[in-house]
Amino acid sequence: MVAWSAGQLRLAAGHDLTYQHGLELVFDDPVFVSCPTSFHDPTFRAPTPDEIQKAGRHLGEHLPVVVAFEADAGGREPVSCLIAAERLDIVRETVLRYWREDAAPGQRFAPWVRSPGR
């Protein structure tokens, strides 16, 4: 998770998340989130009718986006995750996870990155 607030949940993806990532799943107005705060290697799938019903019990009938996946959260078995939101955007751009003065145009910094002295 790159960022999570009442209005937005951002999940990051990339081959090596040490220095940067190149893909974000941006859930606007997340209304139901059932997943650990740290996980890797998600395998996305269609939500089951039971999962849709589970999210719907909490939210009513209006569920524009429901995403389900299995992920490695460090346990013996993968964990099932479910996110329901008003909207999902897929953002492809380089997001740097460390400060550098010479960031190229089109690159941005992760929310926690600050220039030295700030």
N, C-alpha and C. Protein backbone atom coordinates (compact mmCIF):
# COMPACT_ATOMS: atom_id res chain seq x y z
N MET A 1 0.84 -1.18 0.00
CA MET A 1 0.00 0.00 0.00
C MET A 1 0.89 1.24 0.00
N VAL A 2 0.63 2.09 -0.92
CA VAL A 2 1.40 3.32 -1.02
C VAL A 2 0.74 4.41 -0.19
N ALA A 3 -0.58 4.48 -0.24
CA ALA A 3 -1.31 5.49 0.52
C ALA A 3 -2.72 4.99 0.79
N TRP A 4 -3.25 5.39 1.93
CA TRP A 4 -4.61 5.00 2.28
C TRP A 4 -5.21 6.10 3.13
N SER A 5 -6.31 6.65 2.64
CA SER A 5 -7.07 7.65 3.39
C SER A 5 -8.55 7.34 3.18
N ALA A 6 -9.39 8.16 3.76
CA ALA A 6 -10.83 7.94 3.59
C ALA A 6 -11.25 8.06 2.12
N GLY A 7 -10.50 8.86 1.36
CA GLY A 7 -10.89 9.10 -0.03
C GLY A 7 -10.17 8.29 -1.07
N GLN A 8 -9.07 7.59 -0.67
CA GLN A 8 -8.29 6.90 -1.69
C GLN A 8 -7.40 5.82 -1.09
N LEU A 9 -7.32 4.71 -1.80
CA LEU A 9 -6.40 3.62 -1.48
C LEU A 9 -5.54 3.39 -2.71
N ARG A 10 -4.21 3.43 -2.53
CA ARG A 10 -3.27 3.21 -3.65
C ARG A 10 -2.44 1.97 -3.36
N LEU A 11 -2.49 1.01 -4.29
CA LEU A 11 -1.64 -0.17 -4.23
C LEU A 11 -0.57 -0.03 -5.31
N ALA A 12 0.67 -0.36 -4.98
CA ALA A 12 1.77 -0.24 -5.93
C ALA A 12 2.21 -1.61 -6.41
N ALA A 13 2.71 -1.64 -7.64
CA ALA A 13 3.22 -2.88 -8.21
C ALA A 13 4.47 -2.58 -9.02
N GLY A 14 5.38 -3.54 -9.02
CA GLY A 14 6.61 -3.43 -9.79
C GLY A 14 7.47 -4.65 -9.54
N HIS A 15 8.52 -4.79 -10.34
CA HIS A 15 9.41 -5.95 -10.19
C HIS A 15 10.25 -5.87 -8.92
N ASP A 16 10.68 -4.67 -8.57
CA ASP A 16 11.50 -4.46 -7.37
C ASP A 16 11.04 -3.15 -6.74
N LEU A 17 10.37 -3.25 -5.60
CA LEU A 17 9.80 -2.06 -4.97
C LEU A 17 10.79 -1.30 -4.08
N THR A 18 12.06 -1.63 -4.17
CA THR A 18 13.05 -0.97 -3.34
C THR A 18 13.22 0.49 -3.73
N TYR A 19 13.36 0.78 -5.01
CA TYR A 19 13.67 2.12 -5.47
C TYR A 19 12.53 2.83 -6.19
N GLN A 20 11.65 2.06 -6.81
CA GLN A 20 10.57 2.67 -7.58
C GLN A 20 9.48 1.63 -7.86
N HIS A 21 8.35 2.12 -8.33
CA HIS A 21 7.33 1.24 -8.88
C HIS A 21 6.74 1.90 -10.12
N GLY A 22 6.14 1.12 -10.97
CA GLY A 22 5.68 1.64 -12.25
C GLY A 22 4.19 1.48 -12.49
N LEU A 23 3.47 0.93 -11.51
CA LEU A 23 2.04 0.70 -11.68
C LEU A 23 1.35 0.95 -10.36
N GLU A 24 0.24 1.64 -10.40
CA GLU A 24 -0.58 1.83 -9.21
C GLU A 24 -2.04 1.51 -9.53
N LEU A 25 -2.69 0.83 -8.61
CA LEU A 25 -4.14 0.67 -8.64
C LEU A 25 -4.69 1.70 -7.66
N VAL A 26 -5.44 2.64 -8.17
CA VAL A 26 -5.95 3.74 -7.35
C VAL A 26 -7.45 3.55 -7.17
N PHE A 27 -7.85 3.21 -5.95
CA PHE A 27 -9.25 3.02 -5.61
C PHE A 27 -9.76 4.32 -5.01
N ASP A 28 -10.67 5.00 -5.72
CA ASP A 28 -11.26 6.23 -5.20
C ASP A 28 -12.47 5.87 -4.34
N ASP A 29 -12.60 6.56 -3.22
CA ASP A 29 -13.67 6.33 -2.26
C ASP A 29 -13.82 4.85 -1.91
N PRO A 30 -12.76 4.25 -1.35
CA PRO A 30 -12.88 2.84 -0.95
C PRO A 30 -13.90 2.72 0.18
N VAL A 31 -14.87 1.85 0.00
CA VAL A 31 -15.93 1.72 1.00
C VAL A 31 -15.83 0.41 1.78
N PHE A 32 -15.03 -0.52 1.28
CA PHE A 32 -14.82 -1.78 1.97
C PHE A 32 -13.43 -2.28 1.61
N VAL A 33 -12.59 -2.52 2.62
CA VAL A 33 -11.23 -3.03 2.39
C VAL A 33 -10.99 -4.15 3.38
N SER A 34 -10.70 -5.33 2.86
CA SER A 34 -10.38 -6.48 3.70
C SER A 34 -9.10 -7.10 3.16
N CYS A 35 -7.97 -6.58 3.66
CA CYS A 35 -6.67 -7.12 3.28
C CYS A 35 -5.63 -6.62 4.27
N PRO A 36 -4.52 -7.34 4.41
CA PRO A 36 -3.46 -6.86 5.30
C PRO A 36 -2.80 -5.62 4.72
N THR A 37 -2.15 -4.85 5.57
CA THR A 37 -1.50 -3.62 5.10
C THR A 37 -0.24 -3.91 4.31
N SER A 38 0.31 -5.10 4.46
CA SER A 38 1.51 -5.47 3.72
C SER A 38 1.32 -6.85 3.11
N PHE A 39 1.51 -6.94 1.81
CA PHE A 39 1.39 -8.21 1.11
C PHE A 39 2.15 -8.11 -0.20
N HIS A 40 2.37 -9.24 -0.84
CA HIS A 40 3.02 -9.23 -2.16
C HIS A 40 2.50 -10.39 -2.99
N ASP A 41 2.86 -10.35 -4.26
CA ASP A 41 2.48 -11.36 -5.24
C ASP A 41 0.97 -11.62 -5.30
N PRO A 42 0.16 -10.56 -5.49
CA PRO A 42 -1.28 -10.79 -5.58
C PRO A 42 -1.66 -11.49 -6.88
N THR A 43 -2.65 -12.34 -6.78
CA THR A 43 -3.24 -13.00 -7.95
C THR A 43 -4.70 -12.56 -8.00
N PHE A 44 -5.02 -11.70 -8.96
CA PHE A 44 -6.36 -11.15 -9.05
C PHE A 44 -7.30 -12.15 -9.69
N ARG A 45 -8.56 -12.07 -9.29
CA ARG A 45 -9.60 -12.96 -9.80
C ARG A 45 -10.94 -12.25 -9.69
N ALA A 46 -11.94 -12.82 -10.32
CA ALA A 46 -13.29 -12.26 -10.19
C ALA A 46 -13.81 -12.55 -8.78
N PRO A 47 -14.49 -11.60 -8.16
CA PRO A 47 -15.05 -11.86 -6.83
C PRO A 47 -16.16 -12.91 -6.92
N THR A 48 -16.25 -13.74 -5.90
CA THR A 48 -17.31 -14.75 -5.85
C THR A 48 -18.64 -14.07 -5.48
N PRO A 49 -19.75 -14.72 -5.76
CA PRO A 49 -21.04 -14.16 -5.33
C PRO A 49 -21.08 -13.93 -3.81
N ASP A 50 -20.48 -14.82 -3.03
CA ASP A 50 -20.44 -14.63 -1.57
C ASP A 50 -19.66 -13.38 -1.19
N GLU A 51 -18.55 -13.12 -1.88
CA GLU A 51 -17.76 -11.92 -1.59
C GLU A 51 -18.53 -10.65 -1.96
N ILE A 52 -19.20 -10.67 -3.07
CA ILE A 52 -20.01 -9.51 -3.47
C ILE A 52 -21.11 -9.28 -2.45
N GLN A 53 -21.73 -10.36 -1.99
CA GLN A 53 -22.78 -10.26 -0.97
C GLN A 53 -22.19 -9.73 0.35
N LYS A 54 -21.01 -10.19 0.72
CA LYS A 54 -20.35 -9.73 1.95
C LYS A 54 -20.13 -8.22 1.92
N ALA A 55 -19.58 -7.73 0.82
CA ALA A 55 -19.37 -6.29 0.69
C ALA A 55 -20.71 -5.56 0.64
N GLY A 56 -21.66 -6.13 -0.04
CA GLY A 56 -22.98 -5.51 -0.17
C GLY A 56 -23.73 -5.41 1.14
N ARG A 57 -23.51 -6.35 2.04
CA ARG A 57 -24.16 -6.30 3.36
C ARG A 57 -23.77 -5.03 4.11
N HIS A 58 -22.54 -4.61 3.93
CA HIS A 58 -22.04 -3.43 4.61
C HIS A 58 -22.37 -2.13 3.86
N LEU A 59 -22.59 -2.25 2.56
CA LEU A 59 -22.66 -1.05 1.74
C LEU A 59 -23.97 -0.83 1.01
N GLY A 60 -24.82 -1.82 0.97
CA GLY A 60 -26.03 -1.70 0.18
C GLY A 60 -25.81 -2.24 -1.22
N GLU A 61 -26.70 -1.88 -2.11
CA GLU A 61 -26.69 -2.45 -3.46
C GLU A 61 -25.67 -1.81 -4.39
N HIS A 62 -25.28 -0.59 -4.16
CA HIS A 62 -24.44 0.16 -5.10
C HIS A 62 -22.96 -0.18 -4.89
N LEU A 63 -22.42 -1.08 -5.71
CA LEU A 63 -21.01 -1.48 -5.64
C LEU A 63 -20.40 -1.38 -7.03
N PRO A 64 -19.93 -0.20 -7.44
CA PRO A 64 -19.40 -0.05 -8.80
C PRO A 64 -18.16 -0.89 -9.08
N VAL A 65 -17.23 -0.99 -8.10
CA VAL A 65 -15.99 -1.73 -8.31
C VAL A 65 -15.79 -2.69 -7.14
N VAL A 66 -15.65 -3.97 -7.45
CA VAL A 66 -15.32 -4.97 -6.43
C VAL A 66 -14.16 -5.79 -6.99
N VAL A 67 -13.03 -5.77 -6.26
CA VAL A 67 -11.82 -6.46 -6.70
C VAL A 67 -11.45 -7.50 -5.66
N ALA A 68 -11.15 -8.70 -6.12
CA ALA A 68 -10.75 -9.79 -5.22
C ALA A 68 -9.39 -10.33 -5.67
N PHE A 69 -8.59 -10.75 -4.69
CA PHE A 69 -7.30 -11.35 -5.01
C PHE A 69 -6.79 -12.16 -3.83
N GLU A 70 -5.87 -13.04 -4.14
CA GLU A 70 -5.15 -13.82 -3.13
C GLU A 70 -3.74 -13.24 -3.11
N ALA A 71 -3.14 -13.15 -1.90
CA ALA A 71 -1.80 -12.57 -1.81
C ALA A 71 -1.01 -13.24 -0.69
N ASP A 72 0.29 -13.14 -0.81
CA ASP A 72 1.20 -13.64 0.21
C ASP A 72 1.40 -12.54 1.25
N ALA A 73 0.96 -12.80 2.48
CA ALA A 73 1.11 -11.82 3.56
C ALA A 73 2.10 -12.33 4.61
N GLY A 74 2.86 -13.36 4.26
CA GLY A 74 3.88 -13.87 5.17
C GLY A 74 3.45 -15.09 5.96
N GLY A 75 2.23 -15.53 5.78
CA GLY A 75 1.75 -16.71 6.51
C GLY A 75 1.96 -17.99 5.72
N ARG A 76 1.40 -19.06 6.24
CA ARG A 76 1.55 -20.36 5.57
C ARG A 76 0.74 -20.46 4.29
N GLU A 77 -0.40 -19.79 4.27
CA GLU A 77 -1.31 -19.83 3.12
C GLU A 77 -1.55 -18.41 2.61
N PRO A 78 -1.88 -18.28 1.33
CA PRO A 78 -2.26 -16.95 0.83
C PRO A 78 -3.52 -16.45 1.55
N VAL A 79 -3.64 -15.16 1.63
CA VAL A 79 -4.80 -14.54 2.27
C VAL A 79 -5.72 -14.02 1.17
N SER A 80 -7.03 -14.19 1.36
CA SER A 80 -8.02 -13.66 0.42
C SER A 80 -8.29 -12.21 0.75
N CYS A 81 -8.28 -11.36 -0.27
CA CYS A 81 -8.46 -9.93 -0.09
C CYS A 81 -9.64 -9.45 -0.93
N LEU A 82 -10.31 -8.43 -0.43
CA LEU A 82 -11.49 -7.89 -1.11
C LEU A 82 -11.50 -6.37 -0.93
N ILE A 83 -11.69 -5.65 -2.03
CA ILE A 83 -11.78 -4.19 -1.98
C ILE A 83 -12.98 -3.77 -2.82
N ALA A 84 -13.82 -2.92 -2.24
CA ALA A 84 -14.95 -2.32 -2.97
C ALA A 84 -14.76 -0.80 -2.94
N ALA A 85 -14.97 -0.18 -4.08
CA ALA A 85 -14.75 1.27 -4.18
C ALA A 85 -15.69 1.87 -5.23
N GLU A 86 -15.76 3.17 -5.22
CA GLU A 86 -16.57 3.88 -6.21
C GLU A 86 -15.93 3.85 -7.59
N ARG A 87 -14.59 3.80 -7.62
CA ARG A 87 -13.91 3.88 -8.91
C ARG A 87 -12.52 3.27 -8.79
N LEU A 88 -12.01 2.73 -9.89
CA LEU A 88 -10.65 2.19 -9.96
C LEU A 88 -9.95 2.78 -11.17
N ASP A 89 -8.77 3.36 -10.92
CA ASP A 89 -7.92 3.85 -12.00
C ASP A 89 -6.62 3.08 -11.96
N ILE A 90 -6.11 2.74 -13.14
CA ILE A 90 -4.82 2.08 -13.25
C ILE A 90 -3.84 3.12 -13.80
N VAL A 91 -2.82 3.43 -12.99
CA VAL A 91 -1.87 4.48 -13.34
C VAL A 91 -0.52 3.84 -13.64
N ARG A 92 -0.01 4.11 -14.83
CA ARG A 92 1.31 3.62 -15.24
C ARG A 92 2.25 4.81 -15.35
N GLU A 93 3.16 4.93 -14.40
CA GLU A 93 4.21 5.93 -14.44
C GLU A 93 5.25 5.58 -13.39
N THR A 94 6.43 6.11 -13.56
CA THR A 94 7.51 5.82 -12.62
C THR A 94 7.33 6.65 -11.37
N VAL A 95 7.24 5.96 -10.23
CA VAL A 95 7.11 6.61 -8.93
C VAL A 95 8.36 6.26 -8.13
N LEU A 96 9.18 7.27 -7.87
CA LEU A 96 10.43 7.05 -7.15
C LEU A 96 10.16 6.93 -5.65
N ARG A 97 10.85 6.00 -5.02
CA ARG A 97 10.69 5.76 -3.59
C ARG A 97 11.86 6.31 -2.79
N TYR A 98 12.65 7.17 -3.39
CA TYR A 98 13.80 7.81 -2.73
C TYR A 98 14.00 9.17 -3.38
N TRP A 99 14.68 10.07 -2.68
CA TRP A 99 14.91 11.41 -3.23
C TRP A 99 16.05 11.40 -4.23
N ARG A 100 15.88 12.13 -5.31
CA ARG A 100 16.96 12.41 -6.25
C ARG A 100 16.68 13.75 -6.91
N GLU A 101 17.72 14.54 -7.01
CA GLU A 101 17.61 15.89 -7.57
C GLU A 101 17.27 15.87 -9.06
N ASP A 102 17.75 14.86 -9.76
CA ASP A 102 17.62 14.84 -11.21
C ASP A 102 16.48 13.95 -11.69
N ALA A 103 15.36 13.99 -11.00
CA ALA A 103 14.20 13.19 -11.44
C ALA A 103 13.78 13.65 -12.83
N ALA A 104 13.53 12.70 -13.69
CA ALA A 104 13.16 13.00 -15.08
C ALA A 104 11.71 13.48 -15.16
N PRO A 105 11.39 14.23 -16.21
CA PRO A 105 9.99 14.61 -16.42
C PRO A 105 9.13 13.36 -16.51
N GLY A 106 7.97 13.40 -15.94
CA GLY A 106 7.08 12.24 -15.95
C GLY A 106 7.29 11.32 -14.77
N GLN A 107 8.29 11.58 -13.96
CA GLN A 107 8.50 10.81 -12.74
C GLN A 107 7.96 11.61 -11.57
N ARG A 108 7.43 10.93 -10.59
CA ARG A 108 6.99 11.60 -9.37
C ARG A 108 7.51 10.81 -8.18
N PHE A 109 7.38 11.39 -7.02
CA PHE A 109 7.88 10.76 -5.80
C PHE A 109 6.74 10.15 -5.01
N ALA A 110 7.04 9.05 -4.33
CA ALA A 110 6.07 8.43 -3.43
C ALA A 110 5.73 9.44 -2.33
N PRO A 111 4.55 9.34 -1.71
CA PRO A 111 4.12 10.35 -0.73
C PRO A 111 5.09 10.57 0.43
N TRP A 112 5.87 9.58 0.81
CA TRP A 112 6.75 9.71 1.97
C TRP A 112 8.13 10.28 1.63
N VAL A 113 8.42 10.47 0.36
CA VAL A 113 9.75 10.96 -0.05
C VAL A 113 9.79 12.48 0.08
N ARG A 114 10.81 12.98 0.76
CA ARG A 114 11.02 14.41 0.94
C ARG A 114 12.46 14.76 0.55
N SER A 115 12.65 15.96 0.08
CA SER A 115 14.01 16.39 -0.24
C SER A 115 14.78 16.57 1.07
N PRO A 116 16.08 16.38 1.04
CA PRO A 116 16.89 16.57 2.26
C PRO A 116 16.68 17.98 2.80
N GLY A 117 16.56 18.10 4.11
CA GLY A 117 16.37 19.39 4.73
C GLY A 117 14.93 19.81 4.86
N ARG A 118 13.99 19.01 4.39
CA ARG A 118 12.57 19.33 4.52
C ARG A 118 11.95 18.56 5.62
